[in-house]
Amino acid sequence: MLKMQKIKTIVKRALAPVTIMLIPHHNTTRSLHLNIPAIGLFLSAVLCCCGVVFLGLATLDVIKYRAMEQQLQDYSKKVSDFNAALTSLKKAEKNLYHLLSLGSRDKILDNVEPSDMGTVDMGTVDIQQVQQQIVLSMQTVDAIKEFLRSQKDIHMATPKGLPVPGIVTSPYGTRVNPISGRVELHRGMDLSIPAGTPVLATADGIVSFSGWNGGGGNVVVIEHGHGYSTYYAHNQMNAVLVGQRVKRGDVISYAGATGHATGNHVHYEIWHSGRVLNPKDYVQGRS
């Protein structure tokens, strides 16, 4: 009996109305009275707290998801960079083979140590390993590209072929000078060719001399770098100026018989590090 009375008392208190009064700022509007059972007010507070907790947990899940998504994108980019580095490495190596006709991987490996790793898979490679391989591969690519540039520079600076398609009338070596009659070293190669024939540069370079040079007549001298320079004499007319950049195959003068010459021809010399060379060795070029 006592227990039933306590239960009735609790229920009565739970259902007892709680008045909430809303008072507007303006006196023209009546105040609003809300009568809510105490149990209703309590349940509303509990539900509100549950909603706040739920929204907080949901927000944390969204933040974690965004962070994982960003991390995945970062990993994907690093893997993509790694594969791009390897692709660049293979392309640089292929270009080097094509330019210099090396034909052997060993010649590359003597100068650089490329990474021996294929493309990577996100599910099989640790990201730290990927980052290390990216650094190593990029260093390898840069090393090969630098080697490629240096070899290309040497290749383009090395004289190749002859300045005119003439007939060799006097090769490099000891001979009797047709003007003085003395036995002396002929330091170049004489190529007989009709007057006015275009004379072509045999390598890339910069014109260091273009003018009259006594017995050589109209002379053009080109500095090619890496110790190489070439000398073109007895020109009818020079077509370049000092300081002008030229490419292999550019017209630098026109053949003639100026200076000490017995006929129309081009006297062609090759020098390397202060030493005169036999142009015959460079007719086909060097790799």
Protein backbone atom coordinates (compact mmCIF):
# COMPACT_ATOMS: atom_id res chain seq x y z
CA MET A 1 0.00 0.00 0.00
CA LEU A 2 2.86 2.32 0.89
CA LYS A 3 4.67 1.45 -2.34
CA MET A 4 1.60 2.25 -4.43
CA GLN A 5 1.32 5.60 -2.73
CA LYS A 6 4.99 6.41 -3.52
CA ILE A 7 4.51 5.42 -7.15
CA LYS A 8 1.43 7.65 -7.42
CA THR A 9 3.39 10.52 -5.88
CA ILE A 10 6.24 10.09 -8.40
CA VAL A 11 3.83 9.90 -11.32
CA LYS A 12 1.97 12.94 -10.06
CA ARG A 13 5.20 14.93 -9.83
CA ALA A 14 6.32 13.73 -13.27
CA LEU A 15 3.05 14.86 -14.80
CA ALA A 16 2.94 18.08 -12.86
CA PRO A 17 2.98 20.94 -15.36
CA VAL A 18 5.95 23.24 -15.58
CA THR A 19 5.08 26.67 -16.87
CA ILE A 20 7.46 28.34 -19.33
CA MET A 21 6.68 31.97 -19.94
CA LEU A 22 7.99 33.79 -23.02
CA ILE A 23 7.97 37.58 -22.59
CA PRO A 24 8.42 39.62 -25.80
CA HIS A 25 10.49 42.81 -25.88
CA HIS A 26 7.54 44.83 -27.15
CA ASN A 27 4.64 45.51 -24.80
CA THR A 28 2.18 45.30 -27.72
CA THR A 29 2.49 41.53 -27.82
CA ARG A 30 1.15 39.31 -25.10
CA SER A 31 3.47 37.00 -23.19
CA LEU A 32 3.27 33.33 -24.10
CA HIS A 33 2.72 30.66 -21.44
CA LEU A 34 3.69 27.04 -22.15
CA ASN A 35 2.63 24.31 -19.76
CA ILE A 36 4.84 21.27 -20.18
CA PRO A 37 4.83 18.21 -17.93
CA ALA A 38 8.02 17.84 -15.92
CA ILE A 39 8.69 14.44 -17.48
CA GLY A 40 8.39 16.02 -20.94
CA LEU A 41 10.89 18.70 -20.07
CA PHE A 42 13.28 16.07 -18.72
CA LEU A 43 12.93 13.86 -21.81
CA SER A 44 13.47 16.90 -24.07
CA ALA A 45 16.71 17.69 -22.23
CA VAL A 46 17.86 14.07 -22.52
CA LEU A 47 17.05 13.94 -26.23
CA CYS A 48 18.83 17.25 -26.78
CA CYS A 49 21.94 15.93 -25.06
CA CYS A 50 21.80 12.73 -27.12
CA GLY A 51 21.48 14.80 -30.31
CA VAL A 52 24.50 16.92 -29.40
CA VAL A 53 26.57 13.78 -28.68
CA PHE A 54 25.43 12.18 -31.95
CA LEU A 55 26.26 15.28 -33.98
CA GLY A 56 29.67 15.50 -32.27
CA LEU A 57 30.50 11.90 -33.10
CA ALA A 58 29.26 12.34 -36.67
CA THR A 59 31.44 15.45 -37.06
CA LEU A 60 34.49 13.54 -35.81
CA ASP A 61 33.79 10.76 -38.31
CA VAL A 62 33.58 13.30 -41.15
CA ILE A 63 36.87 14.91 -40.06
CA LYS A 64 38.59 11.50 -39.92
CA TYR A 65 37.17 10.60 -43.32
CA ARG A 66 38.43 13.86 -44.84
CA ALA A 67 41.87 13.30 -43.29
CA MET A 68 42.04 9.73 -44.66
CA GLU A 69 40.88 10.96 -48.06
CA GLN A 70 43.60 13.66 -48.11
CA GLN A 71 46.23 11.14 -47.01
CA LEU A 72 45.17 8.77 -49.77
CA GLN A 73 45.42 11.58 -52.31
CA ASP A 74 48.91 12.44 -51.03
CA TYR A 75 49.98 8.79 -51.30
CA SER A 76 48.53 8.54 -54.80
CA LYS A 77 50.38 11.69 -55.89
CA LYS A 78 53.67 10.40 -54.49
CA VAL A 79 53.23 7.08 -56.27
CA SER A 80 52.35 8.95 -59.46
CA ASP A 81 55.47 11.13 -59.06
CA PHE A 82 57.57 8.00 -58.58
CA ASN A 83 56.22 6.34 -61.71
CA ALA A 84 56.69 9.60 -63.64
CA ALA A 85 60.31 9.70 -62.46
CA LEU A 86 60.90 6.18 -63.72
CA THR A 87 59.26 7.04 -67.05
CA SER A 88 61.50 10.09 -67.38
CA LEU A 89 64.48 7.92 -66.50
CA LYS A 90 63.70 5.45 -69.28
CA LYS A 91 63.08 8.28 -71.76
CA ALA A 92 66.37 9.99 -70.90
CA GLU A 93 68.24 6.73 -71.29
CA LYS A 94 66.54 6.03 -74.64
CA ASN A 95 67.39 9.53 -75.89
CA LEU A 96 70.99 9.02 -74.87
CA TYR A 97 71.19 5.77 -76.84
CA HIS A 98 69.64 7.47 -79.86
CA LEU A 99 71.90 10.54 -79.73
CA LEU A 100 75.22 8.83 -79.19
CA SER A 101 74.43 5.35 -80.59
CA LEU A 102 75.97 3.82 -77.48
CA GLY A 103 74.04 0.59 -77.90
CA SER A 104 75.01 -0.65 -74.44
CA ARG A 105 73.54 -0.03 -71.00
CA ASP A 106 76.98 -0.53 -69.48
CA LYS A 107 78.17 2.84 -70.80
CA ILE A 108 75.33 4.54 -68.98
CA LEU A 109 75.94 2.61 -65.77
CA ASP A 110 79.58 3.72 -65.79
CA ASN A 111 78.35 7.27 -65.26
CA VAL A 112 75.17 6.85 -63.19
CA GLU A 113 73.54 4.22 -61.03
CA PRO A 114 69.86 4.06 -62.01
CA SER A 115 67.27 2.54 -59.68
CA ASP A 116 66.18 -0.96 -60.64
CA MET A 117 62.55 -0.66 -59.57
CA GLY A 118 59.46 -0.89 -61.75
CA THR A 119 56.16 0.92 -61.30
CA VAL A 120 54.72 0.63 -57.83
CA ASP A 121 51.33 -0.50 -56.52
CA MET A 122 49.60 1.33 -53.65
CA GLY A 123 48.71 -1.94 -51.99
CA THR A 124 52.17 -3.50 -52.02
CA VAL A 125 54.69 -0.72 -51.32
CA ASP A 126 55.26 1.13 -48.06
CA ILE A 127 54.93 4.89 -48.53
CA GLN A 128 58.30 5.64 -46.90
CA GLN A 129 59.95 3.28 -49.34
CA VAL A 130 58.13 5.04 -52.18
CA GLN A 131 59.41 8.43 -50.97
CA GLN A 132 62.98 7.12 -50.79
CA GLN A 133 62.70 5.64 -54.25
CA ILE A 134 61.28 8.91 -55.61
CA VAL A 135 64.33 10.79 -54.33
CA LEU A 136 66.72 8.16 -55.68
CA SER A 137 65.00 7.97 -59.06
CA MET A 138 64.89 11.75 -59.50
CA GLN A 139 68.59 11.94 -58.68
CA THR A 140 69.22 9.23 -61.27
CA VAL A 141 67.11 11.01 -63.87
CA ASP A 142 68.94 14.28 -63.23
CA ALA A 143 72.30 12.49 -63.47
CA ILE A 144 71.39 10.90 -66.81
CA LYS A 145 70.00 14.16 -68.17
CA GLU A 146 73.17 15.98 -67.14
CA PHE A 147 75.30 13.27 -68.75
CA LEU A 148 73.08 13.48 -71.83
CA ARG A 149 73.55 17.25 -72.04
CA SER A 150 77.31 16.99 -71.64
CA GLN A 151 77.57 14.25 -74.25
CA LYS A 152 75.34 16.22 -76.61
CA ASP A 153 77.53 19.30 -76.13
CA ILE A 154 80.65 17.27 -76.93
CA HIS A 155 78.92 15.67 -79.91
CA MET A 156 77.82 19.04 -81.33
CA ALA A 157 81.22 20.63 -80.63
CA THR A 158 83.18 17.87 -82.39
CA PRO A 159 83.84 18.67 -86.08
CA LYS A 160 82.14 16.26 -88.44
CA GLY A 161 82.43 15.95 -92.21
CA LEU A 162 83.96 18.49 -94.58
CA PRO A 163 83.05 22.14 -95.15
CA VAL A 164 82.61 21.62 -98.92
CA PRO A 165 82.11 18.55 -101.16
CA GLY A 166 85.39 19.21 -102.96
CA ILE A 167 88.26 17.04 -104.18
CA VAL A 168 91.19 16.68 -101.78
CA THR A 169 94.15 18.15 -103.64
CA SER A 170 96.53 18.32 -100.69
CA PRO A 171 95.99 16.20 -97.56
CA TYR A 172 97.28 16.83 -94.05
CA GLY A 173 100.99 16.04 -93.60
CA THR A 174 104.48 16.88 -94.87
CA ARG A 175 104.58 18.33 -98.39
CA VAL A 176 106.45 20.76 -100.65
CA ASN A 177 104.81 24.17 -100.33
CA PRO A 178 103.64 25.14 -103.86
CA ILE A 179 104.29 28.83 -103.12
CA SER A 180 107.64 28.77 -101.28
CA GLY A 181 108.98 25.44 -102.57
CA ARG A 182 110.03 24.43 -99.03
CA VAL A 183 109.25 21.10 -97.37
CA GLU A 184 106.92 21.76 -94.45
CA LEU A 185 103.95 20.44 -92.52
CA HIS A 186 100.66 21.09 -94.24
CA ARG A 187 98.45 21.63 -91.19
CA GLY A 188 95.13 21.07 -92.89
CA MET A 189 93.36 19.71 -95.94
CA ASP A 190 92.90 21.53 -99.27
CA LEU A 191 89.58 20.93 -101.03
CA SER A 192 89.31 22.04 -104.66
CA ILE A 193 85.91 23.58 -105.37
CA PRO A 194 84.49 26.18 -107.79
CA ALA A 195 84.60 29.80 -106.66
CA GLY A 196 81.48 30.94 -104.84
CA THR A 197 80.63 27.52 -103.42
CA PRO A 198 79.10 27.90 -99.92
CA VAL A 199 81.45 26.83 -97.11
CA LEU A 200 79.66 25.17 -94.18
CA ALA A 201 80.55 25.05 -90.48
CA THR A 202 81.42 21.50 -89.43
CA ALA A 203 80.26 21.92 -85.81
CA ASP A 204 78.29 24.29 -83.58
CA GLY A 205 80.25 27.21 -82.20
CA ILE A 206 81.00 30.94 -82.06
CA VAL A 207 82.99 32.86 -84.67
CA SER A 208 86.23 34.08 -83.07
CA PHE A 209 87.81 35.53 -86.24
CA SER A 210 86.43 36.68 -89.58
CA GLY A 211 88.66 38.78 -91.81
CA TRP A 212 91.88 39.03 -93.79
CA ASN A 213 94.84 36.99 -92.56
CA GLY A 214 97.76 37.50 -94.96
CA GLY A 215 98.60 34.28 -96.80
CA GLY A 216 95.32 32.74 -95.68
CA GLY A 217 93.30 35.42 -97.44
CA ASN A 218 89.79 35.74 -96.10
CA VAL A 219 89.72 33.47 -93.04
CA VAL A 220 86.99 32.31 -90.67
CA VAL A 221 87.86 30.71 -87.31
CA ILE A 222 85.16 29.08 -85.15
CA GLU A 223 85.48 28.09 -81.49
CA HIS A 224 83.35 25.03 -80.73
CA GLY A 225 84.07 24.42 -77.05
CA HIS A 226 85.57 21.34 -75.37
CA GLY A 227 88.93 22.41 -76.84
CA TYR A 228 87.88 22.28 -80.52
CA SER A 229 88.29 25.04 -83.12
CA THR A 230 88.21 25.01 -86.94
CA TYR A 231 89.93 27.21 -89.55
CA TYR A 232 88.60 27.98 -93.09
CA ALA A 233 90.96 29.89 -95.40
CA HIS A 234 91.21 31.42 -98.92
CA ASN A 235 87.52 32.39 -98.98
CA GLN A 236 86.22 34.60 -101.73
CA MET A 237 83.99 36.28 -99.13
CA ASN A 238 83.18 35.70 -95.47
CA ALA A 239 79.49 35.49 -94.46
CA VAL A 240 79.77 35.72 -90.66
CA LEU A 241 80.91 38.21 -88.04
CA VAL A 242 83.00 37.81 -84.89
CA GLY A 243 80.80 36.73 -81.96
CA GLN A 244 78.13 35.22 -84.20
CA ARG A 245 76.74 31.83 -83.17
CA VAL A 246 76.65 29.19 -85.87
CA LYS A 247 75.25 25.68 -86.17
CA ARG A 248 76.73 22.71 -87.97
CA GLY A 249 75.77 23.13 -91.64
CA ASP A 250 75.41 26.94 -91.55
CA VAL A 251 77.01 28.90 -94.40
CA ILE A 252 80.01 30.82 -93.03
CA SER A 253 81.78 31.89 -96.28
CA TYR A 254 82.14 31.29 -100.00
CA ALA A 255 85.10 29.45 -101.57
CA GLY A 256 87.70 31.41 -103.48
CA ALA A 257 91.44 31.85 -104.04
CA THR A 258 92.39 34.78 -101.83
CA GLY A 259 95.79 35.00 -100.14
CA HIS A 260 98.56 32.57 -101.15
CA ALA A 261 96.52 30.21 -103.33
CA THR A 262 97.14 28.64 -106.74
CA GLY A 263 93.45 28.05 -107.44
CA ASN A 264 89.96 28.06 -105.99
CA HIS A 265 89.85 25.88 -102.91
CA VAL A 266 89.13 25.75 -99.16
CA HIS A 267 91.98 25.18 -96.73
CA TYR A 268 90.44 23.44 -93.71
CA GLU A 269 92.14 22.90 -90.33
CA ILE A 270 91.01 21.32 -87.04
CA TRP A 271 92.62 22.20 -83.70
CA HIS A 272 92.08 20.64 -80.29
CA SER A 273 93.60 22.03 -77.09
CA GLY A 274 96.33 23.82 -79.03
CA ARG A 275 97.23 20.81 -81.18
CA VAL A 276 96.51 20.56 -84.90
CA LEU A 277 94.67 17.39 -86.02
CA ASN A 278 94.26 15.52 -89.28
CA PRO A 279 90.81 16.45 -90.72
CA LYS A 280 90.67 13.02 -92.37
CA ASP A 281 89.98 11.49 -88.95
CA TYR A 282 86.86 13.65 -88.66
CA VAL A 283 85.36 13.21 -92.10
CA GLN A 284 82.82 10.66 -90.79
CA GLY A 285 82.66 12.28 -87.33
CA ARG A 286 83.26 10.69 -83.95
CA SER A 287 80.73 9.20 -81.52
